[in-house]
C-alpha atoms as a PDB file:
ATOM      1  CA  MET A   1       0.642-102.157-145.557  1.00  0.00           C
ATOM      2  CA  HIS A   2      -2.576-100.794-144.056  1.00  0.00           C
ATOM      3  CA  ARG A   3      -4.023-104.284-143.536  1.00  0.00           C
ATOM      4  CA  ILE A   4      -0.923-105.390-141.655  1.00  0.00           C
ATOM      5  CA  GLY A   5      -0.744-102.102-139.754  1.00  0.00           C
ATOM      6  CA  ASP A   6      -4.352-102.157-138.566  1.00  0.00           C
ATOM      7  CA  ILE A   7      -4.163-105.758-137.354  1.00  0.00           C
ATOM      8  CA  SER A   8      -0.753-105.316-135.714  1.00  0.00           C
ATOM      9  CA  ARG A   9      -1.936-102.188-133.890  1.00  0.00           C
ATOM     10  CA  GLN A  10      -4.978-104.051-132.535  1.00  0.00           C
ATOM     11  CA  PHE A  11      -2.846-106.984-131.367  1.00  0.00           C
ATOM     12  CA  GLY A  12      -0.261-104.584-129.954  1.00  0.00           C
ATOM     13  CA  GLU A  13      -2.886-102.740-127.936  1.00  0.00           C
ATOM     14  CA  ALA A  14      -4.345-106.019-126.676  1.00  0.00           C
ATOM     15  CA  PHE A  15      -0.888-107.203-125.540  1.00  0.00           C
ATOM     16  CA  GLY A  16       0.107-103.859-124.031  1.00  0.00           C
ATOM     17  CA  VAL A  17       2.905-103.124-126.536  1.00  0.00           C
ATOM     18  CA  GLU A  18       4.258 -99.562-126.492  1.00  0.00           C
ATOM     19  CA  ALA A  19       2.809 -97.231-129.163  1.00  0.00           C
ATOM     20  CA  TRP A  20       6.117 -96.653-130.988  1.00  0.00           C
ATOM     21  CA  ALA A  21       6.598-100.408-131.478  1.00  0.00           C
ATOM     22  CA  ARG A  22       3.017-100.877-132.717  1.00  0.00           C
ATOM     23  CA  ASP A  23       3.478 -98.053-135.249  1.00  0.00           C
ATOM     24  CA  LEU A  24       6.751 -99.427-136.642  1.00  0.00           C
ATOM     25  CA  PHE A  25       5.805-103.113-136.764  1.00  0.00           C
ATOM     26  CA  ALA A  26       4.039-103.062-140.166  1.00  0.00           C
ATOM     27  CA  GLU A  27       6.899-101.087-141.737  1.00  0.00           C
ATOM     28  CA  GLU A  28       9.436-103.624-140.521  1.00  0.00           C
ATOM     29  CA  VAL A  29       7.369-106.561-141.802  1.00  0.00           C
ATOM     30  CA  VAL A  30       7.218-105.024-145.289  1.00  0.00           C
ATOM     31  CA  ARG A  31      10.905-104.105-145.256  1.00  0.00           C
ATOM     32  CA  GLY A  32      11.820-107.627-144.165  1.00  0.00           C
ATOM     33  CA  GLY A  33      10.089-109.269-147.130  1.00  0.00           C
ATOM     34  CA  PRO A  34      11.225-110.015-150.685  1.00  0.00           C
ATOM     35  CA  ALA A  35       9.688-106.831-152.108  1.00  0.00           C
ATOM     36  CA  PHE A  36      12.316-104.780-150.283  1.00  0.00           C
ATOM     37  CA  ALA A  37      15.196-106.786-151.819  1.00  0.00           C
ATOM     38  CA  VAL A  38      13.725-106.416-155.316  1.00  0.00           C
ATOM     39  CA  SER A  39      13.234-102.710-154.706  1.00  0.00           C
ATOM     40  CA  LEU A  40      16.926-102.348-153.762  1.00  0.00           C
ATOM     41  CA  LEU A  41      17.955-104.055-157.005  1.00  0.00           C
ATOM     42  CA  ILE A  42      15.768-101.779-159.083  1.00  0.00           C
ATOM     43  CA  THR A  43      17.166 -98.733-157.280  1.00  0.00           C
ATOM     44  CA  SER A  44      20.670 -99.672-158.428  1.00  0.00           C
ATOM     45  CA  ILE A  45      19.658 -99.484-162.122  1.00  0.00           C
ATOM     46  CA  GLU A  46      17.013 -96.787-161.748  1.00  0.00           C
ATOM     47  CA  ALA A  47      18.881 -93.979-163.531  1.00  0.00           C
ATOM     48  CA  SER A  48      19.301 -96.093-166.652  1.00  0.00           C
ATOM     49  CA  LEU A  49      15.666 -97.183-166.572  1.00  0.00           C
ATOM     50  CA  ARG A  50      14.431 -93.584-166.132  1.00  0.00           C
ATOM     51  CA  ASN A  51      16.491 -92.405-169.103  1.00  0.00           C
ATOM     52  CA  ALA A  52      15.306 -95.268-171.307  1.00  0.00           C
ATOM     53  CA  ALA A  53      11.679 -94.599-170.411  1.00  0.00           C
ATOM     54  CA  ALA A  54      12.034 -90.784-170.684  1.00  0.00           C
ATOM     55  CA  LEU A  55      10.448 -90.309-167.263  1.00  0.00           C
ATOM     56  CA  GLY A  56      11.950 -86.926-166.434  1.00  0.00           C
ATOM     57  CA  ALA A  57      13.900 -85.623-163.490  1.00  0.00           C
ATOM     58  CA  TRP A  58      11.490 -86.131-160.606  1.00  0.00           C
ATOM     59  CA  GLN A  59      10.599 -89.342-158.818  1.00  0.00           C
ATOM     60  CA  VAL A  60       7.684 -88.638-156.512  1.00  0.00           C
ATOM     61  CA  ILE A  61       7.728 -91.044-153.593  1.00  0.00           C
ATOM     62  CA  SER A  62       4.898 -89.454-151.605  1.00  0.00           C
ATOM     63  CA  PRO A  63       2.602 -87.324-153.787  1.00  0.00           C
ATOM     64  CA  GLN A  64       1.195 -84.416-151.768  1.00  0.00           C
ATOM     65  CA  ASN A  65       0.781 -80.676-152.225  1.00  0.00           C
ATOM     66  CA  ALA A  66       2.983 -78.583-149.964  1.00  0.00           C
ATOM     67  CA  THR A  67       3.702 -74.923-149.333  1.00  0.00           C
ATOM     68  CA  GLY A  68       6.399 -73.746-146.965  1.00  0.00           C
ATOM     69  CA  VAL A  69       9.581 -71.841-146.321  1.00  0.00           C
ATOM     70  CA  VAL A  70      12.641 -73.464-147.883  1.00  0.00           C
ATOM     71  CA  GLU A  71      15.509 -74.623-145.695  1.00  0.00           C
ATOM     72  CA  VAL A  72      18.601 -76.191-147.239  1.00  0.00           C
ATOM     73  CA  VAL A  73      20.246 -78.844-145.065  1.00  0.00           C
ATOM     74  CA  GLU A  74      23.241 -81.084-145.623  1.00  0.00           C
ATOM     75  CA  GLY A  75      21.465 -84.196-144.402  1.00  0.00           C
ATOM     76  CA  LEU A  76      18.013 -85.087-143.140  1.00  0.00           C
ATOM     77  CA  HIS A  77      19.636 -86.922-140.213  1.00  0.00           C
ATOM     78  CA  LEU A  78      21.035 -83.590-138.944  1.00  0.00           C
ATOM     79  CA  VAL A  79      17.565 -82.073-138.439  1.00  0.00           C
ATOM     80  CA  GLN A  80      15.363 -85.107-137.772  1.00  0.00           C
ATOM     81  CA  ASP A  81      14.926 -84.168-134.103  1.00  0.00           C
ATOM     82  CA  LYS A  82      14.179 -80.510-134.822  1.00  0.00           C
ATOM     83  CA  THR A  83      10.678 -79.006-134.630  1.00  0.00           C
ATOM     84  CA  TYR A  84       9.818 -76.395-137.245  1.00  0.00           C
ATOM     85  CA  GLU A  85       7.393 -73.684-136.122  1.00  0.00           C
ATOM     86  CA  VAL A  86       6.306 -72.780-139.687  1.00  0.00           C
ATOM     87  CA  PRO A  87       5.550 -75.152-142.569  1.00  0.00           C
ATOM     88  CA  THR A  88       8.958 -75.989-144.010  1.00  0.00           C
ATOM     89  CA  VAL A  89      10.176 -77.501-147.275  1.00  0.00           C
ATOM     90  CA  LEU A  90      13.515 -79.212-146.684  1.00  0.00           C
ATOM     91  CA  LEU A  91      16.031 -79.470-149.493  1.00  0.00           C
ATOM     92  CA  ALA A  92      18.181 -82.241-148.050  1.00  0.00           C
ATOM     93  CA  GLN A  93      21.411 -83.062-149.834  1.00  0.00           C
ATOM     94  CA  GLN A  94      21.559 -86.478-148.182  1.00  0.00           C
ATOM     95  CA  VAL A  95      18.753 -88.855-147.270  1.00  0.00           C
ATOM     96  CA  THR A  96      19.762 -92.387-146.311  1.00  0.00           C
ATOM     97  CA  GLY A  97      16.272 -93.757-145.759  1.00  0.00           C
ATOM     98  CA  GLU A  98      16.514 -94.396-142.021  1.00  0.00           C
ATOM     99  CA  GLU A  99      15.707 -90.859-140.843  1.00  0.00           C
ATOM    100  CA  GLU A 100      12.573 -89.437-139.273  1.00  0.00           C
ATOM    101  CA  ILE A 101      10.784 -86.497-140.863  1.00  0.00           C
ATOM    102  CA  PRO A 102      10.894 -83.529-138.470  1.00  0.00           C
ATOM    103  CA  GLU A 103       7.697 -82.090-137.070  1.00  0.00           C
ATOM    104  CA  GLY A 104       6.525 -79.078-139.102  1.00  0.00           C
ATOM    105  CA  VAL A 105       8.090 -80.272-142.377  1.00  0.00           C
ATOM    106  CA  VAL A 106       5.600 -80.394-145.258  1.00  0.00           C
ATOM    107  CA  ALA A 107       7.993 -81.547-148.008  1.00  0.00           C
ATOM    108  CA  VAL A 108      11.404 -83.135-148.450  1.00  0.00           C
ATOM    109  CA  LEU A 109      13.202 -82.708-151.781  1.00  0.00           C
ATOM    110  CA  THR A 110      16.516 -84.459-152.351  1.00  0.00           C
ATOM    111  CA  PRO A 111      18.998 -85.555-155.008  1.00  0.00           C
ATOM    112  CA  ASP A 112      19.355 -88.872-153.146  1.00  0.00           C
ATOM    113  CA  ALA A 113      17.189 -91.793-154.154  1.00  0.00           C
ATOM    114  CA  PRO A 114      16.146 -93.656-151.030  1.00  0.00           C
ATOM    115  CA  ASP A 115      14.211 -96.834-151.590  1.00  0.00           C
ATOM    116  CA  VAL A 116      10.445 -96.387-151.903  1.00  0.00           C
ATOM    117  CA  LEU A 117      10.020 -98.901-149.064  1.00  0.00           C
ATOM    118  CA  SER A 118      12.620 -97.264-146.799  1.00  0.00           C
ATOM    119  CA  HIS A 119      11.620 -95.999-143.368  1.00  0.00           C
ATOM    120  CA  VAL A 120      11.574 -92.337-144.430  1.00  0.00           C
ATOM    121  CA  SER A 121       9.539 -93.096-147.575  1.00  0.00           C
ATOM    122  CA  VAL A 122       6.882 -94.969-145.629  1.00  0.00           C
ATOM    123  CA  ARG A 123       6.856 -92.246-142.971  1.00  0.00           C
ATOM    124  CA  ALA A 124       6.392 -89.542-145.622  1.00  0.00           C
ATOM    125  CA  ARG A 125       3.382 -91.345-147.069  1.00  0.00           C
ATOM    126  CA  ASN A 126       1.867 -91.973-143.626  1.00  0.00           C
ATOM    127  CA  MET A 127       2.452 -88.364-142.536  1.00  0.00           C
ATOM    128  CA  ARG A 128       1.177 -86.999-145.872  1.00  0.00           C
ATOM    129  CA  VAL A 129       4.447 -85.165-146.536  1.00  0.00           C
ATOM    130  CA  LEU A 130       5.570 -84.510-150.115  1.00  0.00           C
ATOM    131  CA  PHE A 131       8.728 -86.556-150.668  1.00  0.00           C
ATOM    132  CA  ALA A 132      10.479 -86.405-154.021  1.00  0.00           C
ATOM    133  CA  THR A 133      13.848 -87.186-155.528  1.00  0.00           C
ATOM    134  CA  CYS A 134      15.233 -85.057-158.345  1.00  0.00           C
ATOM    135  CA  HIS A 135      17.649 -86.858-160.649  1.00  0.00           C
ATOM    136  CA  ASP A 136      18.674 -83.578-162.326  1.00  0.00           C
ATOM    137  CA  LYS A 137      20.937 -81.110-160.503  1.00  0.00           C
ATOM    138  CA  GLU A 138      19.528 -77.951-162.131  1.00  0.00           C
ATOM    139  CA  PRO A 139      16.022 -77.746-160.544  1.00  0.00           C
ATOM    140  CA  LEU A 140      17.443 -78.343-157.064  1.00  0.00           C
ATOM    141  CA  ASP A 141      20.184 -75.750-157.644  1.00  0.00           C
ATOM    142  CA  GLN A 142      17.534 -73.196-158.630  1.00  0.00           C
ATOM    143  CA  ILE A 143      15.615 -73.862-155.416  1.00  0.00           C
ATOM    144  CA  LYS A 144      18.836 -73.682-153.384  1.00  0.00           C
ATOM    145  CA  VAL A 145      19.920 -70.349-154.921  1.00  0.00           C
ATOM    146  CA  SER A 146      16.482 -68.830-154.339  1.00  0.00           C
ATOM    147  CA  ALA A 147      16.520 -69.970-150.725  1.00  0.00           C
ATOM    148  CA  VAL A 148      19.954 -68.440-150.139  1.00  0.00           C
ATOM    149  CA  LEU A 149      19.190 -65.113-151.852  1.00  0.00           C
ATOM    150  CA  ALA A 150      15.953 -64.315-150.033  1.00  0.00           C
ATOM    151  CA  THR A 151      13.410 -65.626-147.621  1.00  0.00           C
ATOM    152  CA  THR A 152      11.740 -67.919-150.050  1.00  0.00           C
ATOM    153  CA  SER A 153       8.411 -69.622-149.891  1.00  0.00           C
ATOM    154  CA  LEU A 154       7.963 -72.618-152.112  1.00  0.00           C
ATOM    155  CA  ARG A 155       4.845 -74.371-153.288  1.00  0.00           C
ATOM    156  CA  ALA A 156       5.421 -77.844-154.616  1.00  0.00           C
ATOM    157  CA  ARG A 157       2.727 -79.969-156.142  1.00  0.00           C
ATOM    158  CA  ALA A 158       3.055 -83.558-157.232  1.00  0.00           C
ATOM    159  CA  GLN A 159       0.752 -83.981-160.182  1.00  0.00           C
ATOM    160  CA  GLU A 160       0.171 -86.019-163.263  1.00  0.00           C
ATOM    161  CA  CYS A 161       2.213 -84.571-166.128  1.00  0.00           C
ATOM    162  CA  GLY A 162       0.746 -86.768-168.792  1.00  0.00           C
ATOM    163  CA  THR A 163       0.514 -90.350-169.874  1.00  0.00           C
ATOM    164  CA  ARG A 164       2.729 -92.629-171.858  1.00  0.00           C
ATOM    165  CA  GLU A 165       1.832 -95.840-173.599  1.00  0.00           C
ATOM    166  CA  ASP A 166       4.047 -98.829-172.827  1.00  0.00           C
ATOM    167  CA  GLU A 167       4.924-101.658-175.221  1.00  0.00           C
ATOM    168  CA  GLY A 168       1.797-103.612-174.301  1.00  0.00           C
ATOM    169  CA  GLY A 169      -0.451-100.636-175.046  1.00  0.00           C
ATOM    170  CA  ALA A 170      -1.195 -99.896-171.377  1.00  0.00           C
ATOM    171  CA  ARG A 171      -1.287 -96.230-170.417  1.00  0.00           C
ATOM    172  CA  ARG A 172       1.132 -95.174-167.687  1.00  0.00           C
ATOM    173  CA  HIS A 173       0.616 -91.979-165.703  1.00  0.00           C
ATOM    174  CA  LEU A 174       3.716 -89.802-165.415  1.00  0.00           C
ATOM    175  CA  HIS A 175       4.114 -87.736-162.264  1.00  0.00           C
ATOM    176  CA  CYS A 176       6.288 -84.694-161.771  1.00  0.00           C
ATOM    177  CA  VAL A 177       6.801 -81.944-159.251  1.00  0.00           C
ATOM    178  CA  ARG A 178       5.674 -78.455-160.208  1.00  0.00           C
ATOM    179  CA  VAL A 179       7.490 -75.840-158.182  1.00  0.00           C
ATOM    180  CA  CYS A 180       6.650 -72.173-157.666  1.00  0.00           C
ATOM    181  CA  MET A 181       9.066 -70.019-155.692  1.00  0.00           C
ATOM    182  CA  ALA A 182       8.184 -66.549-154.473  1.00  0.00           C
ATOM    183  CA  CYS A 183       9.549 -64.083-151.987  1.00  0.00           C
ATOM    184  CA  ALA A 184       7.612 -64.595-148.772  1.00  0.00           C
ATOM    185  CA  SER A 185       6.556 -60.919-148.824  1.00  0.00           C
ATOM    186  CA  ARG A 186       4.825 -61.284-152.225  1.00  0.00           C
ATOM    187  CA  ARG A 187       1.737 -63.297-153.068  1.00  0.00           C
ATOM    188  CA  CYS A 188       2.336 -66.322-155.228  1.00  0.00           C
ATOM    189  CA  ARG A 189      -0.358 -67.272-157.709  1.00  0.00           C
ATOM    190  CA  ALA A 190       0.277 -70.937-156.922  1.00  0.00           C
ATOM    191  CA  ARG A 191      -0.578 -70.387-153.230  1.00  0.00           C
ATOM    192  CA  ARG A 192      -4.226 -69.649-154.010  1.00  0.00           C
END
């Protein structure tokens, strides 16, 4: 992705292409290839694969650390043009994959499972925004209830939770999201 992006930006600048087109070109090349089609197929059977492999509830698409005020939104598309003045963690009920991540957002958590090569997934990685899908309703409900009850600050950290050996003996790193919620008026140990 970076090799294609660097070269396409240089060519784009040389040919006078607008900046937005230069920035999106590499994404579109990757999404237009066979890897994207295979990724869509895997997404359709992902829940079964995660259960069989005992991978847990979280799928971390863009592993970053993030701290911000929680805002619950129905869909990422409804706020993609908004600018947040304080670091914000969005709990978006719907993410299709075609949205933009709003300015000021430091994390997007969702029950949806957009493709890892979707526009929003690539954007999250490029913008260094935590982006994670939770395949279990309970952790997201806990975050949602805390956000509704009080002004809540949330610290989310994507980290290695352990390793697992596959059938061939290779060690696989498991990632999860550790979440700490605290009232914004109190200090959270995880913020330090």
